[in-house]
Amino acid sequence: MKEFYGKQMVFRVYLDIYYKPGAPLNAIKIKVIQNKKEITPLSVESSPYIPGVDELATLPPNGEQVRLEFKSGQIDSSALILRIDTPDKQHAEVEFDLQALR
């Protein structure tokens, strides 16, 4: 694929985060850590997470959908850790083995 040769790619992370209904948008805090260093994303987009019940009905928002973008050069193949704090005092941490995702 010649059209991609020599061009830097973007590494994207998509998250669906559930928490207290009615909390304000952008109320969560997310840290991305690799090799014991926090990595700052190029961009962060957030929108309310609205679960669908069926094609005619939905429930009120009860979380956020978040998209993080990083320069591909910021990320290596070691473990990537996401730490998430929600406004209702929940804490989560998930580790992704990027070596296994190749």
PDB file of N, CA and C in Angstrom:
ATOM      1  N   MET A   1       0.821  -1.169   0.000  1.00  0.00           N
ATOM      2  CA  MET A   1       0.000   0.000   0.000  1.00  0.00           C
ATOM      3  C   MET A   1       0.875   1.247   0.000  1.00  0.00           C
ATOM      4  N   LYS A   2       1.182   1.694  -1.174  1.00  0.00           N
ATOM      5  CA  LYS A   2       2.079   2.840  -1.325  1.00  0.00           C
ATOM      6  C   LYS A   2       1.515   4.120  -0.730  1.00  0.00           C
ATOM      7  N   GLU A   3       0.182   4.270  -0.729  1.00  0.00           N
ATOM      8  CA  GLU A   3      -0.390   5.530  -0.239  1.00  0.00           C
ATOM      9  C   GLU A   3      -0.143   5.753   1.251  1.00  0.00           C
ATOM     10  N   PHE A   4       0.193   4.679   2.001  1.00  0.00           N
ATOM     11  CA  PHE A   4       0.463   4.811   3.432  1.00  0.00           C
ATOM     12  C   PHE A   4       1.954   4.868   3.752  1.00  0.00           C
ATOM     13  N   TYR A   5       2.796   4.549   2.798  1.00  0.00           N
ATOM     14  CA  TYR A   5       4.235   4.482   3.050  1.00  0.00           C
ATOM     15  C   TYR A   5       4.770   5.858   3.443  1.00  0.00           C
ATOM     16  N   GLY A   6       5.491   5.889   4.551  1.00  0.00           N
ATOM     17  CA  GLY A   6       6.122   7.124   5.008  1.00  0.00           C
ATOM     18  C   GLY A   6       5.194   8.069   5.742  1.00  0.00           C
ATOM     19  N   LYS A   7       3.931   7.706   5.896  1.00  0.00           N
ATOM     20  CA  LYS A   7       2.982   8.570   6.612  1.00  0.00           C
ATOM     21  C   LYS A   7       2.758   8.018   8.007  1.00  0.00           C
ATOM     22  N   GLN A   8       2.721   8.932   8.972  1.00  0.00           N
ATOM     23  CA  GLN A   8       2.500   8.509  10.349  1.00  0.00           C
ATOM     24  C   GLN A   8       1.038   8.149  10.552  1.00  0.00           C
ATOM     25  N   MET A   9       0.808   7.033  11.211  1.00  0.00           N
ATOM     26  CA  MET A   9      -0.553   6.572  11.486  1.00  0.00           C
ATOM     27  C   MET A   9      -0.996   7.091  12.855  1.00  0.00           C
ATOM     28  N   VAL A  10      -2.281   6.928  13.142  1.00  0.00           N
ATOM     29  CA  VAL A  10      -2.854   7.335  14.419  1.00  0.00           C
ATOM     30  C   VAL A  10      -3.286   6.075  15.159  1.00  0.00           C
ATOM     31  N   PHE A  11      -2.994   6.018  16.458  1.00  0.00           N
ATOM     32  CA  PHE A  11      -3.422   4.916  17.315  1.00  0.00           C
ATOM     33  C   PHE A  11      -4.662   5.397  18.054  1.00  0.00           C
ATOM     34  N   ARG A  12      -5.780   4.692  17.883  1.00  0.00           N
ATOM     35  CA  ARG A  12      -7.039   5.116  18.503  1.00  0.00           C
ATOM     36  C   ARG A  12      -7.492   4.119  19.557  1.00  0.00           C
ATOM     37  N   VAL A  13      -8.063   4.662  20.637  1.00  0.00           N
ATOM     38  CA  VAL A  13      -8.642   3.856  21.705  1.00  0.00           C
ATOM     39  C   VAL A  13     -10.092   4.299  21.859  1.00  0.00           C
ATOM     40  N   TYR A  14     -11.010   3.341  21.787  1.00  0.00           N
ATOM     41  CA  TYR A  14     -12.444   3.614  21.954  1.00  0.00           C
ATOM     42  C   TYR A  14     -12.913   2.990  23.260  1.00  0.00           C
ATOM     43  N   LEU A  15     -13.620   3.790  24.064  1.00  0.00           N
ATOM     44  CA  LEU A  15     -14.091   3.314  25.362  1.00  0.00           C
ATOM     45  C   LEU A  15     -15.582   3.591  25.522  1.00  0.00           C
ATOM     46  N   ASP A  16     -16.309   2.620  26.045  1.00  0.00           N
ATOM     47  CA  ASP A  16     -17.676   2.815  26.525  1.00  0.00           C
ATOM     48  C   ASP A  16     -17.598   2.680  28.033  1.00  0.00           C
ATOM     49  N   ILE A  17     -17.873   3.768  28.748  1.00  0.00           N
ATOM     50  CA  ILE A  17     -17.719   3.790  30.200  1.00  0.00           C
ATOM     51  C   ILE A  17     -19.083   4.056  30.828  1.00  0.00           C
ATOM     52  N   TYR A  18     -19.528   3.133  31.663  1.00  0.00           N
ATOM     53  CA  TYR A  18     -20.819   3.243  32.329  1.00  0.00           C
ATOM     54  C   TYR A  18     -20.602   3.769  33.747  1.00  0.00           C
ATOM     55  N   TYR A  19     -21.464   4.700  34.166  1.00  0.00           N
ATOM     56  CA  TYR A  19     -21.410   5.200  35.537  1.00  0.00           C
ATOM     57  C   TYR A  19     -22.752   5.820  35.886  1.00  0.00           C
ATOM     58  N   LYS A  20     -22.798   6.579  36.924  1.00  0.00           N
ATOM     59  CA  LYS A  20     -24.010   7.163  37.486  1.00  0.00           C
ATOM     60  C   LYS A  20     -24.836   7.928  36.446  1.00  0.00           C
ATOM     61  N   PRO A  21     -26.105   7.553  36.262  1.00  0.00           N
ATOM     62  CA  PRO A  21     -26.970   8.308  35.337  1.00  0.00           C
ATOM     63  C   PRO A  21     -27.099   9.768  35.772  1.00  0.00           C
ATOM     64  N   GLY A  22     -27.132  10.658  34.799  1.00  0.00           N
ATOM     65  CA  GLY A  22     -27.317  12.079  35.086  1.00  0.00           C
ATOM     66  C   GLY A  22     -26.044  12.824  35.433  1.00  0.00           C
ATOM     67  N   ALA A  23     -24.897  12.157  35.438  1.00  0.00           N
ATOM     68  CA  ALA A  23     -23.642  12.845  35.731  1.00  0.00           C
ATOM     69  C   ALA A  23     -23.275  13.738  34.551  1.00  0.00           C
ATOM     70  N   PRO A  24     -22.559  14.811  34.792  1.00  0.00           N
ATOM     71  CA  PRO A  24     -22.194  15.719  33.693  1.00  0.00           C
ATOM     72  C   PRO A  24     -21.235  15.062  32.705  1.00  0.00           C
ATOM     73  N   LEU A  25     -21.317  15.493  31.466  1.00  0.00           N
ATOM     74  CA  LEU A  25     -20.412  15.020  30.428  1.00  0.00           C
ATOM     75  C   LEU A  25     -18.979  15.436  30.766  1.00  0.00           C
ATOM     76  N   ASN A  26     -18.030  14.641  30.368  1.00  0.00           N
ATOM     77  CA  ASN A  26     -16.607  14.863  30.639  1.00  0.00           C
ATOM     78  C   ASN A  26     -16.282  14.832  32.129  1.00  0.00           C
ATOM     79  N   ALA A  27     -17.043  14.043  32.880  1.00  0.00           N
ATOM     80  CA  ALA A  27     -16.832  13.955  34.320  1.00  0.00           C
ATOM     81  C   ALA A  27     -15.825  12.880  34.697  1.00  0.00           C
ATOM     82  N   ILE A  28     -15.442  12.043  33.749  1.00  0.00           N
ATOM     83  CA  ILE A  28     -14.481  10.988  34.057  1.00  0.00           C
ATOM     84  C   ILE A  28     -13.063  11.486  33.860  1.00  0.00           C
ATOM     85  N   LYS A  29     -12.151  10.818  34.526  1.00  0.00           N
ATOM     86  CA  LYS A  29     -10.736  11.116  34.368  1.00  0.00           C
ATOM     87  C   LYS A  29     -10.065   9.844  33.861  1.00  0.00           C
ATOM     88  N   ILE A  30      -9.300   9.972  32.775  1.00  0.00           N
ATOM     89  CA  ILE A  30      -8.633   8.833  32.171  1.00  0.00           C
ATOM     90  C   ILE A  30      -7.140   9.120  32.104  1.00  0.00           C
ATOM     91  N   LYS A  31      -6.343   8.169  32.585  1.00  0.00           N
ATOM     92  CA  LYS A  31      -4.892   8.244  32.446  1.00  0.00           C
ATOM     93  C   LYS A  31      -4.456   7.065  31.597  1.00  0.00           C
ATOM     94  N   VAL A  32      -3.576   7.326  30.656  1.00  0.00           N
ATOM     95  CA  VAL A  32      -3.013   6.288  29.810  1.00  0.00           C
ATOM     96  C   VAL A  32      -1.533   6.195  30.157  1.00  0.00           C
ATOM     97  N   ILE A  33      -1.099   4.988  30.519  1.00  0.00           N
ATOM     98  CA  ILE A  33       0.260   4.800  31.014  1.00  0.00           C
ATOM     99  C   ILE A  33       0.936   3.678  30.235  1.00  0.00           C
ATOM    100  N   GLN A  34       2.169   3.923  29.860  1.00  0.00           N
ATOM    101  CA  GLN A  34       2.981   2.893  29.224  1.00  0.00           C
ATOM    102  C   GLN A  34       4.410   3.077  29.709  1.00  0.00           C
ATOM    103  N   ASN A  35       5.044   1.983  30.090  1.00  0.00           N
ATOM    104  CA  ASN A  35       6.410   2.022  30.615  1.00  0.00           C
ATOM    105  C   ASN A  35       6.539   2.974  31.804  1.00  0.00           C
ATOM    106  N   LYS A  36       5.516   2.963  32.667  1.00  0.00           N
ATOM    107  CA  LYS A  36       5.480   3.767  33.895  1.00  0.00           C
ATOM    108  C   LYS A  36       5.447   5.273  33.633  1.00  0.00           C
ATOM    109  N   LYS A  37       5.049   5.673  32.414  1.00  0.00           N
ATOM    110  CA  LYS A  37       4.945   7.100  32.072  1.00  0.00           C
ATOM    111  C   LYS A  37       3.549   7.374  31.525  1.00  0.00           C
ATOM    112  N   GLU A  38       2.977   8.502  31.950  1.00  0.00           N
ATOM    113  CA  GLU A  38       1.678   8.892  31.412  1.00  0.00           C
ATOM    114  C   GLU A  38       1.856   9.428  29.991  1.00  0.00           C
ATOM    115  N   ILE A  39       0.949   9.023  29.116  1.00  0.00           N
ATOM    116  CA  ILE A  39       0.978   9.453  27.722  1.00  0.00           C
ATOM    117  C   ILE A  39      -0.198  10.393  27.490  1.00  0.00           C
ATOM    118  N   THR A  40       0.056  11.545  26.919  1.00  0.00           N
ATOM    119  CA  THR A  40      -0.989  12.518  26.650  1.00  0.00           C
ATOM    120  C   THR A  40      -1.514  12.316  25.225  1.00  0.00           C
ATOM    121  N   PRO A  41      -2.828  12.125  25.080  1.00  0.00           N
ATOM    122  CA  PRO A  41      -3.376  11.937  23.728  1.00  0.00           C
ATOM    123  C   PRO A  41      -3.330  13.220  22.910  1.00  0.00           C
ATOM    124  N   LEU A  42      -3.293  13.047  21.589  1.00  0.00           N
ATOM    125  CA  LEU A  42      -3.393  14.186  20.673  1.00  0.00           C
ATOM    126  C   LEU A  42      -4.772  14.822  20.779  1.00  0.00           C
ATOM    127  N   SER A  43      -5.783  13.960  20.876  1.00  0.00           N
ATOM    128  CA  SER A  43      -7.148  14.463  20.987  1.00  0.00           C
ATOM    129  C   SER A  43      -7.991  13.508  21.822  1.00  0.00           C
ATOM    130  N   VAL A  44      -9.034  14.082  22.430  1.00  0.00           N
ATOM    131  CA  VAL A  44      -9.997  13.326  23.230  1.00  0.00           C
ATOM    132  C   VAL A  44     -11.379  13.804  22.827  1.00  0.00           C
ATOM    133  N   GLU A  45     -12.227  12.887  22.417  1.00  0.00           N
ATOM    134  CA  GLU A  45     -13.616  13.211  22.103  1.00  0.00           C
ATOM    135  C   GLU A  45     -14.510  12.411  23.037  1.00  0.00           C
ATOM    136  N   SER A  46     -15.538  13.063  23.548  1.00  0.00           N
ATOM    137  CA  SER A  46     -16.440  12.408  24.485  1.00  0.00           C
ATOM    138  C   SER A  46     -17.879  12.742  24.134  1.00  0.00           C
ATOM    139  N   SER A  47     -18.736  11.745  24.247  1.00  0.00           N
ATOM    140  CA  SER A  47     -20.159  11.966  24.025  1.00  0.00           C
ATOM    141  C   SER A  47     -20.926  11.090  25.018  1.00  0.00           C
ATOM    142  N   PRO A  48     -22.180  11.437  25.307  1.00  0.00           N
ATOM    143  CA  PRO A  48     -22.954  10.625  26.250  1.00  0.00           C
ATOM    144  C   PRO A  48     -23.138   9.209  25.717  1.00  0.00           C
ATOM    145  N   TYR A  49     -23.080   8.244  26.622  1.00  0.00           N
ATOM    146  CA  TYR A  49     -23.389   6.870  26.236  1.00  0.00           C
ATOM    147  C   TYR A  49     -24.874   6.656  26.486  1.00  0.00           C
ATOM    148  N   ILE A  50     -25.603   6.380  25.421  1.00  0.00           N
ATOM    149  CA  ILE A  50     -27.054   6.185  25.514  1.00  0.00           C
ATOM    150  C   ILE A  50     -27.358   4.754  25.075  1.00  0.00           C
ATOM    151  N   PRO A  51     -27.632   3.890  26.032  1.00  0.00           N
ATOM    152  CA  PRO A  51     -27.899   2.495  25.671  1.00  0.00           C
ATOM    153  C   PRO A  51     -29.233   2.349  24.946  1.00  0.00           C
ATOM    154  N   GLY A  52     -29.243   1.573  23.897  1.00  0.00           N
ATOM    155  CA  GLY A  52     -30.477   1.308  23.177  1.00  0.00           C
ATOM    156  C   GLY A  52     -31.206   0.115  23.772  1.00  0.00           C
ATOM    157  N   VAL A  53     -32.498   0.206  23.853  1.00  0.00           N
ATOM    158  CA  VAL A  53     -33.308  -0.905  24.344  1.00  0.00           C
ATOM    159  C   VAL A  53     -33.802  -1.708  23.143  1.00  0.00           C
ATOM    160  N   ASP A  54     -34.344  -1.009  22.185  1.00  0.00           N
ATOM    161  CA  ASP A  54     -34.720  -1.599  20.902  1.00  0.00           C
ATOM    162  C   ASP A  54     -34.709  -0.476  19.877  1.00  0.00           C
ATOM    163  N   GLU A  55     -35.173  -0.733  18.665  1.00  0.00           N
ATOM    164  CA  GLU A  55     -35.081   0.288  17.616  1.00  0.00           C
ATOM    165  C   GLU A  55     -35.969   1.502  17.868  1.00  0.00           C
ATOM    166  N   LEU A  56     -36.917   1.406  18.791  1.00  0.00           N
ATOM    167  CA  LEU A  56     -37.830   2.527  19.051  1.00  0.00           C
ATOM    168  C   LEU A  56     -37.607   3.222  20.393  1.00  0.00           C
ATOM    169  N   ALA A  57     -36.790   2.649  21.254  1.00  0.00           N
ATOM    170  CA  ALA A  57     -36.654   3.208  22.603  1.00  0.00           C
ATOM    171  C   ALA A  57     -35.192   3.217  23.047  1.00  0.00           C
ATOM    172  N   THR A  58     -34.869   4.199  23.857  1.00  0.00           N
ATOM    173  CA  THR A  58     -33.547   4.271  24.482  1.00  0.00           C
ATOM    174  C   THR A  58     -33.736   4.606  25.953  1.00  0.00           C
ATOM    175  N   LEU A  59     -32.679   4.457  26.706  1.00  0.00           N
ATOM    176  CA  LEU A  59     -32.667   4.848  28.105  1.00  0.00           C
ATOM    177  C   LEU A  59     -31.901   6.161  28.222  1.00  0.00           C
ATOM    178  N   PRO A  60     -32.020   6.854  29.356  1.00  0.00           N
ATOM    179  CA  PRO A  60     -31.229   8.081  29.525  1.00  0.00           C
ATOM    180  C   PRO A  60     -29.732   7.753  29.525  1.00  0.00           C
ATOM    181  N   PRO A  61     -28.892   8.743  29.209  1.00  0.00           N
ATOM    182  CA  PRO A  61     -27.447   8.502  29.220  1.00  0.00           C
ATOM    183  C   PRO A  61     -26.991   7.983  30.588  1.00  0.00           C
ATOM    184  N   ASN A  62     -26.108   7.003  30.577  1.00  0.00           N
ATOM    185  CA  ASN A  62     -25.570   6.481  31.833  1.00  0.00           C
ATOM    186  C   ASN A  62     -24.062   6.237  31.720  1.00  0.00           C
ATOM    187  N   GLY A  63     -23.396   7.155  31.067  1.00  0.00           N
ATOM    188  CA  GLY A  63     -21.960   7.043  30.911  1.00  0.00           C
ATOM    189  C   GLY A  63     -21.478   7.861  29.732  1.00  0.00           C
ATOM    190  N   GLU A  64     -20.279   7.521  29.264  1.00  0.00           N
ATOM    191  CA  GLU A  64     -19.684   8.254  28.145  1.00  0.00           C
ATOM    192  C   GLU A  64     -19.032   7.303  27.159  1.00  0.00           C
ATOM    193  N   GLN A  65     -19.057   7.705  25.906  1.00  0.00           N
ATOM    194  CA  GLN A  65     -18.251   7.058  24.885  1.00  0.00           C
ATOM    195  C   GLN A  65     -17.083   7.998  24.645  1.00  0.00           C
ATOM    196  N   VAL A  66     -15.873   7.464  24.732  1.00  0.00           N
ATOM    197  CA  VAL A  66     -14.671   8.284  24.628  1.00  0.00           C
ATOM    198  C   VAL A  66     -13.778   7.726  23.517  1.00  0.00           C
ATOM    199  N   ARG A  67     -13.215   8.634  22.741  1.00  0.00           N
ATOM    200  CA  ARG A  67     -12.240   8.258  21.717  1.00  0.00           C
ATOM    201  C   ARG A  67     -10.963   9.046  21.979  1.00  0.00           C
ATOM    202  N   LEU A  68      -9.865   8.321  22.170  1.00  0.00           N
ATOM    203  CA  LEU A  68      -8.554   8.919  22.378  1.00  0.00           C
ATOM    204  C   LEU A  68      -7.708   8.655  21.142  1.00  0.00           C
ATOM    205  N   GLU A  69      -6.954   9.652  20.704  1.00  0.00           N
ATOM    206  CA  GLU A  69      -6.054   9.484  19.567  1.00  0.00           C
ATOM    207  C   GLU A  69      -4.634   9.832  19.993  1.00  0.00           C
ATOM    208  N   PHE A  70      -3.699   8.992  19.559  1.00  0.00           N
ATOM    209  CA  PHE A  70      -2.291   9.178  19.859  1.00  0.00           C
ATOM    210  C   PHE A  70      -1.497   9.110  18.564  1.00  0.00           C
ATOM    211  N   LYS A  71      -0.377   9.817  18.511  1.00  0.00           N
ATOM    212  CA  LYS A  71       0.566   9.608  17.412  1.00  0.00           C
ATOM    213  C   LYS A  71       1.092   8.188  17.556  1.00  0.00           C
ATOM    214  N   SER A  72       1.232   7.490  16.462  1.00  0.00           N
ATOM    215  CA  SER A  72       1.708   6.104  16.551  1.00  0.00           C
ATOM    216  C   SER A  72       3.087   6.027  17.197  1.00  0.00           C
ATOM    217  N   GLY A  73       3.892   7.066  17.052  1.00  0.00           N
ATOM    218  CA  GLY A  73       5.215   7.089  17.667  1.00  0.00           C
ATOM    219  C   GLY A  73       5.188   7.194  19.185  1.00  0.00           C
ATOM    220  N   GLN A  74       4.052   7.578  19.763  1.00  0.00           N
ATOM    221  CA  GLN A  74       3.926   7.670  21.215  1.00  0.00           C
ATOM    222  C   GLN A  74       3.746   6.302  21.855  1.00  0.00           C
ATOM    223  N   ILE A  75       3.308   5.323  21.082  1.00  0.00           N
ATOM    224  CA  ILE A  75       2.934   4.016  21.599  1.00  0.00           C
ATOM    225  C   ILE A  75       3.925   2.974  21.101  1.00  0.00           C
ATOM    226  N   ASP A  76       4.384   2.104  22.015  1.00  0.00           N
ATOM    227  CA  ASP A  76       5.210   0.981  21.574  1.00  0.00           C
ATOM    228  C   ASP A  76       4.458  -0.324  21.847  1.00  0.00           C
ATOM    229  N   SER A  77       5.109  -1.443  21.709  1.00  0.00           N
ATOM    230  CA  SER A  77       4.410  -2.718  21.817  1.00  0.00           C
ATOM    231  C   SER A  77       4.330  -3.256  23.244  1.00  0.00           C
ATOM    232  N   SER A  78       4.760  -2.484  24.234  1.00  0.00           N
ATOM    233  CA  SER A  78       4.648  -2.936  25.623  1.00  0.00           C
ATOM    234  C   SER A  78       3.217  -2.729  26.131  1.00  0.00           C
ATOM    235  N   ALA A  79       2.952  -3.192  27.342  1.00  0.00           N
ATOM    236  CA  ALA A  79       1.609  -3.117  27.923  1.00  0.00           C
ATOM    237  C   ALA A  79       1.137  -1.664  28.030  1.00  0.00           C
ATOM    238  N   LEU A  80      -0.123  -1.460  27.693  1.00  0.00           N
ATOM    239  CA  LEU A  80      -0.762  -0.143  27.780  1.00  0.00           C
ATOM    240  C   LEU A  80      -1.805  -0.218  28.883  1.00  0.00           C
ATOM    241  N   ILE A  81      -1.733   0.692  29.848  1.00  0.00           N
ATOM    242  CA  ILE A  81      -2.632   0.679  31.001  1.00  0.00           C
ATOM    243  C   ILE A  81      -3.563   1.881  30.918  1.00  0.00           C
ATOM    244  N   LEU A  82      -4.867   1.646  31.103  1.00  0.00           N
ATOM    245  CA  LEU A  82      -5.863   2.714  31.177  1.00  0.00           C
ATOM    246  C   LEU A  82      -6.399   2.749  32.600  1.00  0.00           C
ATOM    247  N   ARG A  83      -6.307   3.910  33.238  1.00  0.00           N
ATOM    248  CA  ARG A  83      -6.877   4.118  34.577  1.00  0.00           C
ATOM    249  C   ARG A  83      -8.039   5.078  34.435  1.00  0.00           C
ATOM    250  N   ILE A  84      -9.192   4.669  34.952  1.00  0.00           N
ATOM    251  CA  ILE A  84     -10.422   5.443  34.785  1.00  0.00           C
ATOM    252  C   ILE A  84     -11.035   5.717  36.153  1.00  0.00           C
ATOM    253  N   ASP A  85     -11.365   6.979  36.410  1.00  0.00           N
ATOM    254  CA  ASP A  85     -12.078   7.389  37.618  1.00  0.00           C
ATOM    255  C   ASP A  85     -13.390   8.013  37.182  1.00  0.00           C
ATOM    256  N   THR A  86     -14.500   7.537  37.749  1.00  0.00           N
ATOM    257  CA  THR A  86     -15.819   8.061  37.402  1.00  0.00           C
ATOM    258  C   THR A  86     -16.301   9.025  38.479  1.00  0.00           C
ATOM    259  N   PRO A  87     -17.309   9.847  38.157  1.00  0.00           N
ATOM    260  CA  PRO A  87     -17.785  10.835  39.136  1.00  0.00           C
ATOM    261  C   PRO A  87     -18.466  10.208  40.349  1.00  0.00           C
ATOM    262  N   ASP A  88     -18.884   8.946  40.239  1.00  0.00           N
ATOM    263  CA  ASP A  88     -19.497   8.307  41.406  1.00  0.00           C
ATOM    264  C   ASP A  88     -18.479   7.468  42.172  1.00  0.00           C
ATOM    265  N   LYS A  89     -17.222   7.864  42.074  1.00  0.00           N
ATOM    266  CA  LYS A  89     -16.100   7.321  42.857  1.00  0.00           C
ATOM    267  C   LYS A  89     -15.756   5.866  42.532  1.00  0.00           C
ATOM    268  N   GLN A  90     -16.049   5.431  41.323  1.00  0.00           N
ATOM    269  CA  GLN A  90     -15.598   4.120  40.881  1.00  0.00           C
ATOM    270  C   GLN A  90     -14.231   4.276  40.216  1.00  0.00           C
ATOM    271  N   HIS A  91     -13.411   3.262  40.377  1.00  0.00           N
ATOM    272  CA  HIS A  91     -12.071   3.276  39.808  1.00  0.00           C
ATOM    273  C   HIS A  91     -11.863   1.968  39.060  1.00  0.00           C
ATOM    274  N   ALA A  92     -11.294   2.060  37.903  1.00  0.00           N
ATOM    275  CA  ALA A  92     -11.011   0.860  37.116  1.00  0.00           C
ATOM    276  C   ALA A  92      -9.648   1.005  36.465  1.00  0.00           C
ATOM    277  N   GLU A  93      -9.006  -0.119  36.277  1.00  0.00           N
ATOM    278  CA  GLU A  93      -7.750  -0.146  35.568  1.00  0.00           C
ATOM    279  C   GLU A  93      -7.761  -1.373  34.679  1.00  0.00           C
ATOM    280  N   VAL A  94      -7.373  -1.184  33.439  1.00  0.00           N
ATOM    281  CA  VAL A  94      -7.304  -2.288  32.493  1.00  0.00           C
ATOM    282  C   VAL A  94      -5.961  -2.218  31.774  1.00  0.00           C
ATOM    283  N   GLU A  95      -5.382  -3.391  31.564  1.00  0.00           N
ATOM    284  CA  GLU A  95      -4.086  -3.464  30.894  1.00  0.00           C
ATOM    285  C   GLU A  95      -4.248  -4.211  29.573  1.00  0.00           C
ATOM    286  N   PHE A  96      -3.706  -3.630  28.520  1.00  0.00           N
ATOM    287  CA  PHE A  96      -3.750  -4.242  27.200  1.00  0.00           C
ATOM    288  C   PHE A  96      -2.351  -4.693  26.816  1.00  0.00           C
ATOM    289  N   ASP A  97      -2.224  -5.949  26.482  1.00  0.00           N
ATOM    290  CA  ASP A  97      -0.958  -6.504  26.035  1.00  0.00           C
ATOM    291  C   ASP A  97      -0.857  -6.251  24.532  1.00  0.00           C
ATOM    292  N   LEU A  98      -0.234  -5.144  24.153  1.00  0.00           N
ATOM    293  CA  LEU A  98      -0.170  -4.778  22.739  1.00  0.00           C
ATOM    294  C   LEU A  98       0.669  -5.758  21.935  1.00  0.00           C
ATOM    295  N   GLN A  99       1.561  -6.456  22.580  1.00  0.00           N
ATOM    296  CA  GLN A  99       2.364  -7.469  21.890  1.00  0.00           C
ATOM    297  C   GLN A  99       1.453  -8.577  21.354  1.00  0.00           C
ATOM    298  N   ALA A 100       0.414  -8.916  22.112  1.00  0.00           N
ATOM    299  CA  ALA A 100      -0.505  -9.984  21.719  1.00  0.00           C
ATOM    300  C   ALA A 100      -1.509  -9.521  20.661  1.00  0.00           C
ATOM    301  N   LEU A 101      -1.690  -8.206  20.494  1.00  0.00           N
ATOM    302  CA  LEU A 101      -2.678  -7.679  19.531  1.00  0.00           C
ATOM    303  C   LEU A 101      -2.138  -7.571  18.122  1.00  0.00           C
ATOM    304  N   ARG A 102      -0.881  -7.817  17.907  1.00  0.00           N
ATOM    305  CA  ARG A 102      -0.304  -7.665  16.577  1.00  0.00           C
ATOM    306  C   ARG A 102      -0.968  -8.526  15.560  1.00  0.00           C
TER     307      ARG A 102
END
